[in-house]
Amino acid sequence: LTTATGLPATDIRVHALSSIAASAAVVTTVNPMEVVMVRKYSQRGGRGDPGGMATAIKSILKTEGVQGLYKGSIPLFSRLTPHFIATFVFLEQLRSWRI
């Protein structure tokens, strides 16, 4: 990232951009499983789809397509990004102080 932006590796903007990229990667990998879990937990009294995770994924893909697995991505990204930025910038600052 430092070669692409031309910023030094210790610059706070590099850490913030890296945090945004990390949260995007987490949303891309975690959101499909979160959607499936929420749908499984939301079934009334366990009625509905009796299958497991694989059956739920197939059902979502069949009815809604790949977009169905990424419903709620924007709220998840909006929730994770500030947390990642605060955490990574703070940890890098601590590291620079050698604490």
C-alpha atoms as a PDB file:
ATOM      1  CA  LEU A   1       0.000   0.000   0.000  1.00  0.00           C
ATOM      2  CA  THR A   2       2.880   2.329   0.685  1.00  0.00           C
ATOM      3  CA  THR A   3       4.270   1.937  -2.832  1.00  0.00           C
ATOM      4  CA  ALA A   4       0.840   2.558  -4.382  1.00  0.00           C
ATOM      5  CA  THR A   5       0.166   5.703  -2.355  1.00  0.00           C
ATOM      6  CA  GLY A   6       3.720   7.003  -2.056  1.00  0.00           C
ATOM      7  CA  LEU A   7       3.203   7.499   1.679  1.00  0.00           C
ATOM      8  CA  PRO A   8       5.672   6.307   4.314  1.00  0.00           C
ATOM      9  CA  ALA A   9       4.719   3.116   6.150  1.00  0.00           C
ATOM     10  CA  THR A  10       4.397   5.028   9.424  1.00  0.00           C
ATOM     11  CA  ASP A  11       1.791   7.463   8.087  1.00  0.00           C
ATOM     12  CA  ILE A  12      -1.585   7.273   9.825  1.00  0.00           C
ATOM     13  CA  ARG A  13      -3.355   7.414   6.448  1.00  0.00           C
ATOM     14  CA  VAL A  14      -1.669   4.162   5.417  1.00  0.00           C
ATOM     15  CA  HIS A  15      -2.985   2.490   8.571  1.00  0.00           C
ATOM     16  CA  ALA A  16      -6.476   3.886   7.980  1.00  0.00           C
ATOM     17  CA  LEU A  17      -6.520   2.713   4.343  1.00  0.00           C
ATOM     18  CA  SER A  18      -5.226  -0.701   5.393  1.00  0.00           C
ATOM     19  CA  SER A  19      -7.987  -0.909   7.991  1.00  0.00           C
ATOM     20  CA  ILE A  20     -10.621  -0.111   5.366  1.00  0.00           C
ATOM     21  CA  ALA A  21      -9.197  -2.804   3.084  1.00  0.00           C
ATOM     22  CA  ALA A  22      -9.180  -5.291   5.967  1.00  0.00           C
ATOM     23  CA  SER A  23     -12.801  -4.575   6.840  1.00  0.00           C
ATOM     24  CA  ALA A  24     -13.797  -5.006   3.179  1.00  0.00           C
ATOM     25  CA  ALA A  25     -12.034  -8.389   3.125  1.00  0.00           C
ATOM     26  CA  VAL A  26     -13.795  -9.456   6.323  1.00  0.00           C
ATOM     27  CA  VAL A  27     -17.204  -8.402   4.997  1.00  0.00           C
ATOM     28  CA  THR A  28     -16.590 -10.295   1.757  1.00  0.00           C
ATOM     29  CA  THR A  29     -15.713 -13.518   3.563  1.00  0.00           C
ATOM     30  CA  VAL A  30     -17.931 -13.383   6.661  1.00  0.00           C
ATOM     31  CA  ASN A  31     -21.194 -11.884   5.411  1.00  0.00           C
ATOM     32  CA  PRO A  32     -22.472 -14.971   3.516  1.00  0.00           C
ATOM     33  CA  MET A  33     -22.172 -17.137   6.627  1.00  0.00           C
ATOM     34  CA  GLU A  34     -23.748 -14.430   8.777  1.00  0.00           C
ATOM     35  CA  VAL A  35     -26.726 -14.220   6.397  1.00  0.00           C
ATOM     36  CA  VAL A  36     -27.198 -17.984   6.547  1.00  0.00           C
ATOM     37  CA  MET A  37     -26.904 -18.045  10.354  1.00  0.00           C
ATOM     38  CA  VAL A  38     -29.412 -15.220  10.802  1.00  0.00           C
ATOM     39  CA  ARG A  39     -31.888 -16.942   8.514  1.00  0.00           C
ATOM     40  CA  LYS A  40     -31.471 -20.262  10.299  1.00  0.00           C
ATOM     41  CA  TYR A  41     -31.931 -18.632  13.715  1.00  0.00           C
ATOM     42  CA  SER A  42     -34.928 -16.626  12.500  1.00  0.00           C
ATOM     43  CA  GLN A  43     -36.970 -19.669  11.558  1.00  0.00           C
ATOM     44  CA  ARG A  44     -39.982 -19.946  13.845  1.00  0.00           C
ATOM     45  CA  GLY A  45     -39.596 -22.789  16.291  1.00  0.00           C
ATOM     46  CA  GLY A  46     -37.233 -24.610  13.977  1.00  0.00           C
ATOM     47  CA  ARG A  47     -39.979 -25.054  11.380  1.00  0.00           C
ATOM     48  CA  GLY A  48     -39.259 -24.354   7.759  1.00  0.00           C
ATOM     49  CA  ASP A  49     -36.083 -25.535   6.121  1.00  0.00           C
ATOM     50  CA  PRO A  50     -35.050 -28.658   8.073  1.00  0.00           C
ATOM     51  CA  GLY A  51     -31.632 -28.901   6.413  1.00  0.00           C
ATOM     52  CA  GLY A  52     -28.286 -27.602   7.528  1.00  0.00           C
ATOM     53  CA  MET A  53     -26.080 -24.785   6.381  1.00  0.00           C
ATOM     54  CA  ALA A  54     -25.476 -26.243   2.916  1.00  0.00           C
ATOM     55  CA  THR A  55     -29.211 -26.562   2.301  1.00  0.00           C
ATOM     56  CA  ALA A  56     -29.763 -22.970   3.436  1.00  0.00           C
ATOM     57  CA  ILE A  57     -27.009 -21.705   1.117  1.00  0.00           C
ATOM     58  CA  LYS A  58     -28.501 -23.610  -1.827  1.00  0.00           C
ATOM     59  CA  SER A  59     -31.932 -22.199  -1.030  1.00  0.00           C
ATOM     60  CA  ILE A  60     -30.637 -18.623  -0.893  1.00  0.00           C
ATOM     61  CA  LEU A  61     -28.676 -19.048  -4.127  1.00  0.00           C
ATOM     62  CA  LYS A  62     -31.707 -20.571  -5.858  1.00  0.00           C
ATOM     63  CA  THR A  63     -34.206 -17.900  -4.801  1.00  0.00           C
ATOM     64  CA  GLU A  64     -32.073 -14.738  -4.577  1.00  0.00           C
ATOM     65  CA  GLY A  65     -28.800 -15.487  -6.313  1.00  0.00           C
ATOM     66  CA  VAL A  66     -25.367 -14.526  -5.055  1.00  0.00           C
ATOM     67  CA  GLN A  67     -26.679 -11.086  -4.047  1.00  0.00           C
ATOM     68  CA  GLY A  68     -28.788 -12.803  -1.383  1.00  0.00           C
ATOM     69  CA  LEU A  69     -25.640 -13.916   0.427  1.00  0.00           C
ATOM     70  CA  TYR A  70     -24.447 -10.323   0.639  1.00  0.00           C
ATOM     71  CA  LYS A  71     -27.600  -8.722   2.041  1.00  0.00           C
ATOM     72  CA  GLY A  72     -26.585  -6.523   4.947  1.00  0.00           C
ATOM     73  CA  SER A  73     -23.052  -5.982   3.675  1.00  0.00           C
ATOM     74  CA  ILE A  74     -23.233  -2.205   3.939  1.00  0.00           C
ATOM     75  CA  PRO A  75     -24.355  -2.180   7.599  1.00  0.00           C
ATOM     76  CA  LEU A  76     -21.687  -4.754   8.458  1.00  0.00           C
ATOM     77  CA  PHE A  77     -19.024  -2.712   6.663  1.00  0.00           C
ATOM     78  CA  SER A  78     -20.266   0.454   8.384  1.00  0.00           C
ATOM     79  CA  ARG A  79     -20.030  -1.272  11.747  1.00  0.00           C
ATOM     80  CA  LEU A  80     -16.622  -2.877  11.260  1.00  0.00           C
ATOM     81  CA  THR A  81     -14.694  -0.094   9.534  1.00  0.00           C
ATOM     82  CA  PRO A  82     -14.606   2.428  12.404  1.00  0.00           C
ATOM     83  CA  HIS A  83     -13.665  -0.370  14.796  1.00  0.00           C
ATOM     84  CA  PHE A  84     -10.849  -1.575  12.534  1.00  0.00           C
ATOM     85  CA  ILE A  85      -9.534   1.944  11.977  1.00  0.00           C
ATOM     86  CA  ALA A  86      -9.507   2.729  15.698  1.00  0.00           C
ATOM     87  CA  THR A  87      -7.925  -0.599  16.596  1.00  0.00           C
ATOM     88  CA  PHE A  88      -5.211  -0.690  13.951  1.00  0.00           C
ATOM     89  CA  VAL A  89      -4.260   2.981  14.200  1.00  0.00           C
ATOM     90  CA  PHE A  90      -4.086   2.684  17.990  1.00  0.00           C
ATOM     91  CA  LEU A  91      -2.004  -0.504  17.856  1.00  0.00           C
ATOM     92  CA  GLU A  92       0.409   1.002  15.353  1.00  0.00           C
ATOM     93  CA  GLN A  93       0.740   4.088  17.537  1.00  0.00           C
ATOM     94  CA  LEU A  94       1.517   1.883  20.547  1.00  0.00           C
ATOM     95  CA  ARG A  95       4.038   0.004  18.459  1.00  0.00           C
ATOM     96  CA  SER A  96       5.757   3.231  17.468  1.00  0.00           C
ATOM     97  CA  TRP A  97       6.030   4.165  21.156  1.00  0.00           C
ATOM     98  CA  ARG A  98       7.536   0.702  21.876  1.00  0.00           C
ATOM     99  CA  ILE A  99       5.092  -0.008  24.698  1.00  0.00           C
END
